[in-house]
Amino acid sequence: MKELKYSTEINAPRAHVWKTLWDDTTFRDWAGIIDEGTYIKGVLKEGTDVEFISSVNGYGVTSFVEKFTPDQVAFFRHKADTQESGAKSRDNEWTGTSERYELSERNGGTVLTFTTQVPPEQEQTFQDRLPKALARIKELAE
């Protein structure tokens, strides 16, 4: 797996950036840049499982919410790849990878750092799409 790490400075308080990340409407907006139609199924709470699913193709991943500290950090470990909106398993392309969102204060604003591991065959796609998704988060939050 290839680790990718990106960060962006956002002229908004951490609480507002956090809300932009995880509010259903804004999440669908920016996450749709990475994988069209992506939404979260489940409750974002430490110690629970959630599903990130594409409403367009029904593919997704079930993830364990390892850490979810509001306004600070969200850390997900991907446990299983799914299809048919989570109803069936599929090849374990993402199983064992993780995503981490960290927010820190800087000069009255927020630095959002996103770290993820991606399968080698998806590396170029994510190198193209992740910076666009971060730019959209910045735009939505500011």
Protein backbone atom coordinates (compact mmCIF):
# COMPACT_ATOMS: atom_id res chain seq x y z
CA MET A 1 0.00 0.00 0.00
CA LYS A 2 1.11 3.51 -0.75
CA GLU A 3 0.70 6.20 1.92
CA LEU A 4 -0.48 9.59 0.71
CA LYS A 5 -0.46 12.71 2.88
CA TYR A 6 -1.91 16.11 2.08
CA SER A 7 -2.65 19.21 4.10
CA THR A 8 -4.33 22.54 3.56
CA GLU A 9 -4.75 25.72 5.58
CA ILE A 10 -8.34 26.82 6.02
CA ASN A 11 -9.41 30.26 7.22
CA ALA A 12 -12.03 28.96 9.63
CA PRO A 13 -12.13 27.66 13.21
CA ARG A 14 -11.50 23.96 13.80
CA ALA A 15 -15.10 23.35 14.91
CA HIS A 16 -16.40 24.70 11.62
CA VAL A 17 -13.94 22.65 9.56
CA TRP A 18 -14.91 19.55 11.56
CA LYS A 19 -18.59 20.19 10.83
CA THR A 20 -17.75 20.63 7.13
CA LEU A 21 -15.95 17.29 7.11
CA TRP A 22 -18.68 15.23 8.74
CA ASP A 23 -22.04 16.95 8.13
CA ASP A 24 -23.92 14.68 5.70
CA THR A 25 -24.52 17.34 3.03
CA THR A 26 -20.98 18.74 2.96
CA PHE A 27 -19.42 15.27 3.33
CA ARG A 28 -21.27 14.07 0.24
CA ASP A 29 -20.13 17.19 -1.62
CA TRP A 30 -16.38 16.85 -1.04
CA ALA A 31 -16.21 13.03 -0.80
CA GLY A 32 -18.02 12.78 -4.14
CA ILE A 33 -14.89 14.20 -5.75
CA ILE A 34 -12.97 11.14 -4.58
CA ASP A 35 -15.69 8.59 -5.39
CA GLU A 36 -18.94 9.83 -6.90
CA GLY A 37 -22.00 9.54 -4.68
CA THR A 38 -20.11 8.64 -1.49
CA TYR A 39 -22.03 8.80 1.76
CA ILE A 40 -21.61 7.46 5.31
CA LYS A 41 -23.88 4.74 6.65
CA GLY A 42 -23.76 4.46 10.45
CA VAL A 43 -22.91 6.68 13.39
CA LEU A 44 -19.52 8.37 13.56
CA LYS A 45 -18.58 7.37 17.07
CA GLU A 46 -15.35 5.94 18.44
CA GLY A 47 -15.49 2.16 18.70
CA THR A 48 -18.19 1.65 16.05
CA ASP A 49 -18.23 0.47 12.45
CA VAL A 50 -19.37 2.74 9.64
CA GLU A 51 -19.65 2.20 5.91
CA PHE A 52 -18.42 4.55 3.22
CA ILE A 53 -20.55 3.68 0.20
CA SER A 54 -20.95 5.04 -3.32
CA SER A 55 -24.62 5.50 -4.18
CA VAL A 56 -23.59 5.39 -7.84
CA ASN A 57 -21.99 1.94 -7.99
CA GLY A 58 -22.86 0.46 -4.57
CA TYR A 59 -19.22 -0.29 -3.77
CA GLY A 60 -17.82 0.69 -0.42
CA VAL A 61 -15.76 -0.15 2.59
CA THR A 62 -16.69 -1.00 6.17
CA SER A 63 -14.43 0.85 8.58
CA PHE A 64 -13.78 0.78 12.31
CA VAL A 65 -13.85 4.24 13.91
CA GLU A 66 -10.67 3.89 15.95
CA LYS A 67 -10.50 7.53 17.07
CA PHE A 68 -13.09 10.27 16.75
CA THR A 69 -12.24 13.31 18.84
CA PRO A 70 -14.40 16.26 17.74
CA ASP A 71 -12.48 19.21 16.27
CA GLN A 72 -9.22 17.25 16.46
CA VAL A 73 -8.87 13.82 14.84
CA ALA A 74 -10.80 11.10 13.03
CA PHE A 75 -9.05 7.80 12.36
CA PHE A 76 -10.63 4.94 10.42
CA ARG A 77 -9.31 1.41 9.82
CA HIS A 78 -10.85 -0.20 6.77
CA LYS A 79 -12.03 -3.69 7.68
CA ALA A 80 -13.88 -5.04 4.64
CA ASP A 81 -14.60 -4.15 1.04
CA THR A 82 -18.27 -4.36 0.07
CA GLN A 83 -20.62 -4.14 -2.88
CA GLU A 84 -24.39 -3.82 -3.28
CA SER A 85 -24.41 -0.96 -0.72
CA GLY A 86 -22.68 -3.05 1.91
CA ALA A 87 -24.76 -6.21 1.45
CA LYS A 88 -22.01 -8.36 -0.10
CA SER A 89 -18.26 -8.71 0.29
CA ARG A 90 -15.89 -8.10 -2.61
CA ASP A 91 -12.16 -8.30 -3.26
CA ASN A 92 -10.16 -6.92 -0.35
CA GLU A 93 -8.67 -3.97 -2.20
CA TRP A 94 -8.94 -1.56 0.77
CA THR A 95 -9.04 -4.00 3.69
CA GLY A 96 -6.27 -3.17 6.17
CA THR A 97 -5.76 0.40 5.00
CA SER A 98 -6.60 3.50 7.03
CA GLU A 99 -7.59 7.17 6.81
CA ARG A 100 -6.66 9.91 9.28
CA TYR A 101 -8.00 13.47 9.42
CA GLU A 102 -6.16 15.80 11.80
CA LEU A 103 -7.08 19.39 12.58
CA SER A 104 -4.71 21.83 14.25
CA GLU A 105 -4.84 25.57 14.83
CA ARG A 106 -2.51 27.95 13.02
CA ASN A 107 -2.69 31.75 12.79
CA GLY A 108 -6.36 31.87 13.72
CA GLY A 109 -7.29 29.22 11.17
CA THR A 110 -7.11 25.47 10.83
CA VAL A 111 -4.66 23.11 9.20
CA LEU A 112 -6.34 19.97 7.92
CA THR A 113 -3.95 17.07 7.36
CA PHE A 114 -5.25 13.99 5.59
CA THR A 115 -3.26 10.74 5.53
CA THR A 116 -4.41 7.57 3.81
CA GLN A 117 -3.11 4.34 2.39
CA VAL A 118 -4.20 3.36 -1.10
CA PRO A 119 -3.74 0.24 -3.23
CA PRO A 120 -0.95 0.71 -5.81
CA GLU A 121 -3.38 0.50 -8.74
CA GLN A 122 -5.40 3.40 -7.23
CA GLU A 123 -2.43 5.65 -6.41
CA GLN A 124 -2.62 7.93 -9.46
CA THR A 125 -6.37 8.34 -9.18
CA PHE A 126 -6.08 9.42 -5.55
CA GLN A 127 -3.11 11.68 -6.24
CA ASP A 128 -5.35 13.46 -8.74
CA ARG A 129 -8.54 13.54 -6.66
CA LEU A 130 -7.41 14.09 -3.05
CA PRO A 131 -6.01 17.62 -3.60
CA LYS A 132 -9.27 18.56 -5.34
CA ALA A 133 -11.30 17.17 -2.41
CA LEU A 134 -9.20 19.15 0.09
CA ALA A 135 -9.66 22.30 -2.01
CA ARG A 136 -13.41 21.69 -1.93
CA ILE A 137 -13.37 21.25 1.88
CA LYS A 138 -11.51 24.55 2.14
CA GLU A 139 -14.02 26.24 -0.14
CA LEU A 140 -17.01 24.87 1.78
CA ALA A 141 -15.54 25.79 5.17
CA GLU A 142 -14.47 29.31 4.31
